[in-house]
Amino acid sequence: MRTIKLLFLICFSLLSVTAFANNKGKNFDRVFFIIFENTDLKDAMDQPFFKKLANEGVNFTQLLAITHPSQPNYIALTSGDLHGVRSNSSVNLNVRNIADLLEAQGHSWKVYAEDFPGNCYTGSQRGNYYRKHNPFISYLSIQKNPQRCANIVSSQELLK
């Protein structure tokens, strides 16, 4: 069986956590974005777990990148703009992002990044983890705040 690498999974939970008021969603309580790096849709759907998720939710199949290489697309996806990012080099951005917007409305969020080493790791690579695939660690408001940074965990947490 071919292994599919999970780029990052962003979980926006509209269910309350201790730090937030109970603020359930109007039409749903959780949103998951699963993004694969250079993975054919057919290969991803051959994986039972991802096929189940796609069948039970919404499967966007016509999303296109706005630039190349990868990191600027992830920055734009999570903050609404490239903010001058044009490469996969590590960047530190002092800009608003989707985590800020969610928290401002009392919603929680979580990112599952492949092999993220934890502890607000800001290095460019460790093992199978590549910072360029985890835009949230590029936001100073997250990387400099251990409580917020704790919302970024290894995708291995999904298997526990």
N, C-alpha and C. Protein backbone atom coordinates (compact mmCIF):
# COMPACT_ATOMS: atom_id res chain seq x y z
N MET A 1 0.84 -1.17 0.00
CA MET A 1 0.00 0.00 0.00
C MET A 1 0.89 1.24 0.00
N ARG A 2 0.56 2.19 -0.83
CA ARG A 2 1.32 3.43 -0.91
C ARG A 2 0.95 4.34 0.26
N THR A 3 1.95 4.92 0.89
CA THR A 3 1.72 5.81 2.00
C THR A 3 1.42 7.21 1.50
N ILE A 4 0.40 7.81 2.03
CA ILE A 4 0.04 9.18 1.70
C ILE A 4 0.54 10.07 2.83
N LYS A 5 1.30 11.08 2.48
CA LYS A 5 1.81 11.99 3.50
C LYS A 5 0.76 13.05 3.79
N LEU A 6 0.47 13.21 5.05
CA LEU A 6 -0.46 14.24 5.48
C LEU A 6 0.31 15.53 5.65
N LEU A 7 -0.06 16.53 4.89
CA LEU A 7 0.61 17.82 4.98
C LEU A 7 0.24 18.49 6.29
N PHE A 8 -0.94 18.92 6.42
CA PHE A 8 -1.42 19.40 7.70
C PHE A 8 -2.92 19.34 7.71
N LEU A 9 -3.43 19.17 8.89
CA LEU A 9 -4.87 19.12 9.08
C LEU A 9 -5.20 20.24 10.05
N ILE A 10 -6.10 21.07 9.68
CA ILE A 10 -6.53 22.15 10.54
C ILE A 10 -7.91 21.79 11.06
N CYS A 11 -8.05 21.78 12.34
CA CYS A 11 -9.35 21.48 12.92
C CYS A 11 -9.86 22.73 13.61
N PHE A 12 -10.93 23.28 13.08
CA PHE A 12 -11.57 24.42 13.70
C PHE A 12 -12.79 23.88 14.43
N SER A 13 -12.73 23.88 15.72
CA SER A 13 -13.83 23.35 16.50
C SER A 13 -14.68 24.49 17.01
N LEU A 14 -15.94 24.41 16.75
CA LEU A 14 -16.86 25.42 17.25
C LEU A 14 -17.44 24.99 18.58
N LEU A 15 -16.91 23.92 19.15
CA LEU A 15 -17.31 23.51 20.48
C LEU A 15 -16.42 24.22 21.48
N SER A 16 -16.95 24.50 22.64
CA SER A 16 -16.18 25.26 23.62
C SER A 16 -15.04 24.43 24.21
N VAL A 17 -14.01 25.13 24.60
CA VAL A 17 -12.94 24.57 25.42
C VAL A 17 -12.87 25.47 26.63
N THR A 18 -12.07 25.12 27.61
CA THR A 18 -12.04 25.86 28.87
C THR A 18 -11.85 27.36 28.66
N ALA A 19 -11.00 27.75 27.73
CA ALA A 19 -10.69 29.17 27.55
C ALA A 19 -11.76 29.94 26.80
N PHE A 20 -12.74 29.27 26.23
CA PHE A 20 -13.71 29.96 25.39
C PHE A 20 -15.13 29.69 25.88
N ALA A 21 -16.01 30.64 25.55
CA ALA A 21 -17.42 30.46 25.88
C ALA A 21 -18.02 29.38 25.00
N ASN A 22 -19.12 28.80 25.48
CA ASN A 22 -19.82 27.81 24.67
C ASN A 22 -20.45 28.53 23.49
N ASN A 23 -19.97 28.24 22.29
CA ASN A 23 -20.40 28.96 21.10
C ASN A 23 -20.53 27.96 19.96
N LYS A 24 -21.59 27.15 20.01
CA LYS A 24 -21.78 26.15 18.98
C LYS A 24 -22.09 26.80 17.64
N GLY A 25 -21.69 26.09 16.58
CA GLY A 25 -21.93 26.60 15.24
C GLY A 25 -23.40 26.58 14.88
N LYS A 26 -23.77 27.44 13.96
CA LYS A 26 -25.15 27.52 13.52
C LYS A 26 -25.53 26.28 12.73
N ASN A 27 -24.66 25.84 11.82
CA ASN A 27 -24.97 24.70 10.97
C ASN A 27 -24.07 23.49 11.20
N PHE A 28 -22.96 23.68 11.89
CA PHE A 28 -22.03 22.58 12.15
C PHE A 28 -21.13 22.96 13.31
N ASP A 29 -20.49 21.98 13.91
CA ASP A 29 -19.65 22.20 15.07
C ASP A 29 -18.16 22.05 14.80
N ARG A 30 -17.78 21.45 13.68
CA ARG A 30 -16.37 21.25 13.39
C ARG A 30 -16.12 21.40 11.89
N VAL A 31 -14.94 21.93 11.57
CA VAL A 31 -14.51 22.03 10.19
C VAL A 31 -13.11 21.45 10.12
N PHE A 32 -12.87 20.57 9.17
CA PHE A 32 -11.56 19.99 8.96
C PHE A 32 -11.10 20.32 7.54
N PHE A 33 -9.88 20.79 7.43
CA PHE A 33 -9.24 20.96 6.13
C PHE A 33 -8.07 19.99 6.10
N ILE A 34 -8.08 19.08 5.16
CA ILE A 34 -6.97 18.15 4.99
C ILE A 34 -6.32 18.49 3.66
N ILE A 35 -5.04 18.80 3.72
CA ILE A 35 -4.34 19.23 2.53
C ILE A 35 -3.17 18.29 2.28
N PHE A 36 -3.10 17.77 1.07
CA PHE A 36 -2.04 16.86 0.69
C PHE A 36 -1.05 17.58 -0.22
N GLU A 37 0.20 17.30 -0.03
CA GLU A 37 1.26 17.88 -0.85
C GLU A 37 1.56 16.93 -2.00
N ASN A 38 1.33 17.37 -3.22
CA ASN A 38 1.69 16.58 -4.40
C ASN A 38 1.16 15.15 -4.36
N THR A 39 -0.10 15.02 -3.97
CA THR A 39 -0.72 13.70 -3.89
C THR A 39 -1.90 13.65 -4.84
N ASP A 40 -1.94 12.64 -5.65
CA ASP A 40 -3.05 12.44 -6.57
C ASP A 40 -4.31 12.12 -5.77
N LEU A 41 -5.43 12.73 -6.16
CA LEU A 41 -6.69 12.51 -5.47
C LEU A 41 -7.04 11.03 -5.39
N LYS A 42 -6.84 10.30 -6.47
CA LYS A 42 -7.15 8.87 -6.47
C LYS A 42 -6.34 8.14 -5.40
N ASP A 43 -5.05 8.46 -5.28
CA ASP A 43 -4.21 7.82 -4.26
C ASP A 43 -4.72 8.14 -2.86
N ALA A 44 -5.13 9.36 -2.63
CA ALA A 44 -5.66 9.74 -1.32
C ALA A 44 -6.95 8.99 -1.02
N MET A 45 -7.83 8.89 -2.02
CA MET A 45 -9.12 8.23 -1.81
C MET A 45 -8.99 6.71 -1.72
N ASP A 46 -7.83 6.15 -2.09
CA ASP A 46 -7.58 4.73 -1.89
C ASP A 46 -7.34 4.41 -0.42
N GLN A 47 -7.09 5.43 0.38
CA GLN A 47 -6.89 5.25 1.81
C GLN A 47 -8.27 5.25 2.49
N PRO A 48 -8.64 4.18 3.18
CA PRO A 48 -9.99 4.08 3.76
C PRO A 48 -10.37 5.26 4.65
N PHE A 49 -9.46 5.74 5.48
CA PHE A 49 -9.77 6.83 6.40
C PHE A 49 -10.15 8.10 5.63
N PHE A 50 -9.36 8.45 4.62
CA PHE A 50 -9.63 9.67 3.87
C PHE A 50 -10.86 9.51 2.97
N LYS A 51 -11.08 8.33 2.46
CA LYS A 51 -12.29 8.07 1.66
C LYS A 51 -13.54 8.25 2.53
N LYS A 52 -13.48 7.74 3.76
CA LYS A 52 -14.60 7.88 4.69
C LYS A 52 -14.87 9.36 4.98
N LEU A 53 -13.82 10.11 5.26
CA LEU A 53 -14.00 11.54 5.53
C LEU A 53 -14.62 12.26 4.33
N ALA A 54 -14.12 11.95 3.14
CA ALA A 54 -14.64 12.60 1.94
C ALA A 54 -16.10 12.24 1.71
N ASN A 55 -16.46 10.99 1.96
CA ASN A 55 -17.83 10.54 1.74
C ASN A 55 -18.81 11.12 2.75
N GLU A 56 -18.32 11.42 3.96
CA GLU A 56 -19.20 11.93 5.00
C GLU A 56 -19.23 13.45 5.08
N GLY A 57 -18.37 14.11 4.34
CA GLY A 57 -18.31 15.56 4.41
C GLY A 57 -18.34 16.17 3.03
N VAL A 58 -17.66 17.27 2.90
CA VAL A 58 -17.55 17.97 1.62
C VAL A 58 -16.15 17.75 1.10
N ASN A 59 -16.03 17.41 -0.15
CA ASN A 59 -14.74 17.12 -0.74
C ASN A 59 -14.49 18.12 -1.87
N PHE A 60 -13.62 19.10 -1.59
CA PHE A 60 -13.29 20.11 -2.60
C PHE A 60 -12.21 19.54 -3.51
N THR A 61 -12.52 19.37 -4.77
CA THR A 61 -11.57 18.75 -5.70
C THR A 61 -11.02 19.72 -6.74
N GLN A 62 -11.48 20.94 -6.74
CA GLN A 62 -11.03 21.89 -7.76
C GLN A 62 -10.32 23.10 -7.15
N LEU A 63 -9.63 22.90 -6.04
CA LEU A 63 -8.87 23.98 -5.44
C LEU A 63 -7.50 24.05 -6.10
N LEU A 64 -7.09 25.24 -6.47
CA LEU A 64 -5.83 25.41 -7.17
C LEU A 64 -4.91 26.34 -6.40
N ALA A 65 -3.62 26.08 -6.50
CA ALA A 65 -2.63 26.95 -5.89
C ALA A 65 -2.64 28.30 -6.58
N ILE A 66 -2.18 29.33 -5.87
CA ILE A 66 -2.08 30.65 -6.48
C ILE A 66 -0.65 30.97 -6.90
N THR A 67 0.30 30.18 -6.43
CA THR A 67 1.70 30.41 -6.77
C THR A 67 2.49 29.13 -6.53
N HIS A 68 3.75 29.20 -6.80
CA HIS A 68 4.67 28.09 -6.54
C HIS A 68 5.91 28.71 -5.94
N PRO A 69 6.51 28.16 -4.92
CA PRO A 69 6.34 26.85 -4.32
C PRO A 69 5.20 26.80 -3.29
N SER A 70 5.24 25.81 -2.40
CA SER A 70 4.14 25.51 -1.50
C SER A 70 3.84 26.55 -0.44
N GLN A 71 4.86 26.97 0.30
CA GLN A 71 4.61 27.78 1.50
C GLN A 71 3.75 29.02 1.25
N PRO A 72 3.97 29.79 0.20
CA PRO A 72 3.11 30.97 0.01
C PRO A 72 1.62 30.61 -0.08
N ASN A 73 1.30 29.47 -0.65
CA ASN A 73 -0.09 29.05 -0.73
C ASN A 73 -0.67 28.78 0.65
N TYR A 74 0.12 28.18 1.54
CA TYR A 74 -0.36 27.89 2.89
C TYR A 74 -0.51 29.17 3.70
N ILE A 75 0.39 30.11 3.48
CA ILE A 75 0.26 31.41 4.16
C ILE A 75 -1.02 32.09 3.69
N ALA A 76 -1.25 32.11 2.38
CA ALA A 76 -2.47 32.73 1.84
C ALA A 76 -3.72 32.01 2.34
N LEU A 77 -3.68 30.69 2.41
CA LEU A 77 -4.83 29.90 2.87
C LEU A 77 -5.21 30.26 4.30
N THR A 78 -4.21 30.53 5.14
CA THR A 78 -4.48 30.74 6.56
C THR A 78 -4.51 32.20 6.98
N SER A 79 -4.13 33.12 6.07
CA SER A 79 -4.16 34.53 6.45
C SER A 79 -4.81 35.42 5.39
N GLY A 80 -5.14 34.86 4.24
CA GLY A 80 -5.83 35.63 3.22
C GLY A 80 -4.96 36.42 2.28
N ASP A 81 -3.63 36.29 2.43
CA ASP A 81 -2.72 37.06 1.58
C ASP A 81 -1.36 36.39 1.59
N LEU A 82 -0.56 36.66 0.58
CA LEU A 82 0.81 36.13 0.53
C LEU A 82 1.74 36.87 1.49
N HIS A 83 1.43 38.10 1.83
CA HIS A 83 2.26 38.93 2.72
C HIS A 83 3.71 38.96 2.27
N GLY A 84 3.93 38.94 0.97
CA GLY A 84 5.28 39.01 0.42
C GLY A 84 6.03 37.70 0.41
N VAL A 85 5.43 36.63 0.90
CA VAL A 85 6.10 35.32 0.94
C VAL A 85 6.10 34.74 -0.47
N ARG A 86 7.27 34.44 -0.99
CA ARG A 86 7.40 33.92 -2.35
C ARG A 86 8.25 32.66 -2.41
N SER A 87 8.72 32.16 -1.24
CA SER A 87 9.61 31.00 -1.24
C SER A 87 9.25 30.07 -0.09
N ASN A 88 9.98 28.98 0.02
CA ASN A 88 9.80 28.04 1.11
C ASN A 88 10.72 28.33 2.29
N SER A 89 11.44 29.45 2.26
CA SER A 89 12.31 29.83 3.37
C SER A 89 11.47 30.17 4.59
N SER A 90 12.00 29.91 5.77
CA SER A 90 11.28 30.22 7.01
C SER A 90 10.98 31.71 7.09
N VAL A 91 9.75 32.03 7.44
CA VAL A 91 9.33 33.41 7.60
C VAL A 91 8.67 33.58 8.96
N ASN A 92 8.73 34.79 9.47
CA ASN A 92 8.07 35.14 10.72
C ASN A 92 7.20 36.35 10.43
N LEU A 93 5.89 36.15 10.52
CA LEU A 93 4.94 37.17 10.09
C LEU A 93 4.14 37.72 11.25
N ASN A 94 4.03 39.01 11.31
CA ASN A 94 3.21 39.68 12.31
C ASN A 94 1.92 40.15 11.62
N VAL A 95 1.09 39.18 11.25
CA VAL A 95 -0.16 39.46 10.54
C VAL A 95 -1.29 38.65 11.15
N ARG A 96 -2.51 39.13 10.94
CA ARG A 96 -3.68 38.38 11.42
C ARG A 96 -3.85 37.12 10.57
N ASN A 97 -4.35 36.10 11.21
CA ASN A 97 -4.55 34.83 10.53
C ASN A 97 -5.86 34.22 11.02
N ILE A 98 -6.22 33.10 10.46
CA ILE A 98 -7.51 32.51 10.78
C ILE A 98 -7.63 32.10 12.24
N ALA A 99 -6.52 31.74 12.88
CA ALA A 99 -6.57 31.42 14.31
C ALA A 99 -6.99 32.64 15.12
N ASP A 100 -6.46 33.81 14.76
CA ASP A 100 -6.84 35.05 15.45
C ASP A 100 -8.33 35.32 15.29
N LEU A 101 -8.83 35.14 14.08
CA LEU A 101 -10.24 35.40 13.81
C LEU A 101 -11.15 34.44 14.56
N LEU A 102 -10.77 33.17 14.59
CA LEU A 102 -11.57 32.18 15.31
C LEU A 102 -11.59 32.46 16.81
N GLU A 103 -10.42 32.73 17.38
CA GLU A 103 -10.36 33.02 18.81
C GLU A 103 -11.15 34.28 19.17
N ALA A 104 -11.12 35.27 18.32
CA ALA A 104 -11.86 36.51 18.57
C ALA A 104 -13.37 36.25 18.65
N GLN A 105 -13.83 35.18 18.00
CA GLN A 105 -15.25 34.82 18.03
C GLN A 105 -15.55 33.73 19.05
N GLY A 106 -14.54 33.37 19.86
CA GLY A 106 -14.74 32.37 20.91
C GLY A 106 -14.65 30.94 20.44
N HIS A 107 -14.02 30.72 19.29
CA HIS A 107 -13.89 29.37 18.75
C HIS A 107 -12.48 28.85 18.96
N SER A 108 -12.37 27.55 19.10
CA SER A 108 -11.06 26.93 19.25
C SER A 108 -10.55 26.45 17.90
N TRP A 109 -9.28 26.10 17.85
CA TRP A 109 -8.67 25.61 16.62
C TRP A 109 -7.53 24.67 16.99
N LYS A 110 -7.17 23.82 16.05
CA LYS A 110 -6.06 22.90 16.26
C LYS A 110 -5.48 22.55 14.90
N VAL A 111 -4.18 22.37 14.85
CA VAL A 111 -3.48 21.99 13.62
C VAL A 111 -2.76 20.68 13.89
N TYR A 112 -2.96 19.72 13.01
CA TYR A 112 -2.23 18.45 13.06
C TYR A 112 -1.23 18.49 11.91
N ALA A 113 0.04 18.62 12.23
CA ALA A 113 1.09 18.72 11.22
C ALA A 113 1.95 17.46 11.26
N GLU A 114 2.24 16.93 10.10
CA GLU A 114 2.99 15.68 10.03
C GLU A 114 4.31 15.79 10.79
N ASP A 115 4.44 14.93 11.82
CA ASP A 115 5.66 14.80 12.63
C ASP A 115 6.13 16.10 13.28
N PHE A 116 5.21 17.02 13.57
CA PHE A 116 5.59 18.25 14.26
C PHE A 116 6.25 17.89 15.59
N PRO A 117 7.47 18.38 15.85
CA PRO A 117 8.19 17.99 17.07
C PRO A 117 7.67 18.65 18.34
N GLY A 118 6.78 19.61 18.24
CA GLY A 118 6.21 20.26 19.41
C GLY A 118 7.09 21.36 19.96
N ASN A 119 6.70 21.86 21.13
CA ASN A 119 7.45 22.89 21.85
C ASN A 119 7.73 24.11 20.99
N CYS A 120 6.78 24.53 20.19
CA CYS A 120 6.91 25.72 19.35
C CYS A 120 8.15 25.65 18.46
N TYR A 121 8.47 24.48 17.98
CA TYR A 121 9.66 24.29 17.14
C TYR A 121 9.58 25.18 15.91
N THR A 122 10.60 26.02 15.72
CA THR A 122 10.62 26.93 14.58
C THR A 122 11.73 26.62 13.58
N GLY A 123 12.41 25.50 13.78
CA GLY A 123 13.43 25.10 12.81
C GLY A 123 12.78 24.77 11.48
N SER A 124 13.57 24.72 10.43
CA SER A 124 13.00 24.51 9.10
C SER A 124 12.67 23.05 8.81
N GLN A 125 13.33 22.11 9.51
CA GLN A 125 13.09 20.69 9.22
C GLN A 125 13.60 19.83 10.37
N ARG A 126 12.86 18.78 10.69
CA ARG A 126 13.30 17.76 11.63
C ARG A 126 12.60 16.46 11.25
N GLY A 127 13.39 15.45 10.88
CA GLY A 127 12.81 14.19 10.43
C GLY A 127 11.91 14.43 9.23
N ASN A 128 10.66 13.97 9.31
CA ASN A 128 9.69 14.17 8.22
C ASN A 128 8.93 15.49 8.33
N TYR A 129 9.22 16.28 9.35
CA TYR A 129 8.54 17.56 9.53
C TYR A 129 9.27 18.66 8.76
N TYR A 130 8.48 19.45 8.02
CA TYR A 130 9.00 20.60 7.29
C TYR A 130 8.16 21.81 7.65
N ARG A 131 8.80 22.83 8.18
CA ARG A 131 8.10 24.04 8.60
C ARG A 131 7.30 24.66 7.46
N LYS A 132 7.80 24.60 6.25
CA LYS A 132 7.11 25.24 5.12
C LYS A 132 5.70 24.69 4.92
N HIS A 133 5.40 23.53 5.48
CA HIS A 133 4.08 22.93 5.38
C HIS A 133 3.18 23.28 6.56
N ASN A 134 3.70 24.04 7.51
CA ASN A 134 2.95 24.40 8.71
C ASN A 134 2.92 25.92 8.84
N PRO A 135 2.00 26.58 8.17
CA PRO A 135 2.01 28.05 8.18
C PRO A 135 1.79 28.65 9.56
N PHE A 136 1.12 27.95 10.44
CA PHE A 136 0.79 28.52 11.74
C PHE A 136 2.02 28.86 12.58
N ILE A 137 3.10 28.12 12.41
CA ILE A 137 4.31 28.40 13.17
C ILE A 137 5.03 29.64 12.63
N SER A 138 4.61 30.11 11.47
CA SER A 138 5.20 31.33 10.90
C SER A 138 4.57 32.60 11.45
N TYR A 139 3.47 32.49 12.16
CA TYR A 139 2.80 33.66 12.73
C TYR A 139 3.35 33.94 14.12
N LEU A 140 3.96 35.11 14.28
CA LEU A 140 4.58 35.48 15.55
C LEU A 140 3.60 35.39 16.72
N SER A 141 2.34 35.74 16.48
CA SER A 141 1.34 35.70 17.55
C SER A 141 1.08 34.28 18.05
N ILE A 142 1.46 33.29 17.26
CA ILE A 142 1.32 31.89 17.68
C ILE A 142 2.66 31.36 18.18
N GLN A 143 3.72 31.52 17.38
CA GLN A 143 5.01 30.94 17.75
C GLN A 143 5.58 31.52 19.03
N LYS A 144 5.23 32.74 19.39
CA LYS A 144 5.74 33.38 20.61
C LYS A 144 4.82 33.18 21.82
N ASN A 145 3.75 32.45 21.64
CA ASN A 145 2.79 32.22 22.71
C ASN A 145 2.64 30.71 22.93
N PRO A 146 3.30 30.16 23.95
CA PRO A 146 3.28 28.70 24.15
C PRO A 146 1.87 28.11 24.26
N GLN A 147 0.93 28.84 24.83
CA GLN A 147 -0.44 28.33 24.96
C GLN A 147 -1.08 28.17 23.57
N ARG A 148 -0.91 29.16 22.72
CA ARG A 148 -1.47 29.08 21.36
C ARG A 148 -0.70 28.05 20.54
N CYS A 149 0.61 28.05 20.71
CA CYS A 149 1.45 27.13 19.96
C CYS A 149 1.12 25.66 20.30
N ALA A 150 0.63 25.43 21.50
CA ALA A 150 0.26 24.07 21.90
C ALA A 150 -0.90 23.53 21.07
N ASN A 151 -1.57 24.40 20.30
CA ASN A 151 -2.63 23.96 19.40
C ASN A 151 -2.08 23.32 18.13
N ILE A 152 -0.78 23.38 17.95
CA ILE A 152 -0.13 22.70 16.82
C ILE A 152 0.46 21.42 17.36
N VAL A 153 0.01 20.29 16.87
CA VAL A 153 0.48 19.00 17.35
C VAL A 153 0.84 18.11 16.16
N SER A 154 1.52 17.03 16.46
CA SER A 154 1.87 16.06 15.41
C SER A 154 0.62 15.35 14.94
N SER A 155 0.56 15.05 13.67
CA SER A 155 -0.58 14.29 13.14
C SER A 155 -0.68 12.92 13.79
N GLN A 156 0.38 12.46 14.43
CA GLN A 156 0.34 11.18 15.14
C GLN A 156 -0.69 11.22 16.28
N GLU A 157 -1.02 12.42 16.75
CA GLU A 157 -2.04 12.56 17.80
C GLU A 157 -3.39 12.03 17.34
N LEU A 158 -3.64 12.04 16.05
CA LEU A 158 -4.90 11.53 15.52
C LEU A 158 -5.03 10.03 15.72
N LEU A 159 -3.90 9.36 15.83
CA LEU A 159 -3.90 7.90 15.94
C LEU A 159 -4.05 7.41 17.37
N LYS A 160 -3.99 8.33 18.32
CA LYS A 160 -4.09 7.93 19.74
C LYS A 160 -5.50 7.75 20.17
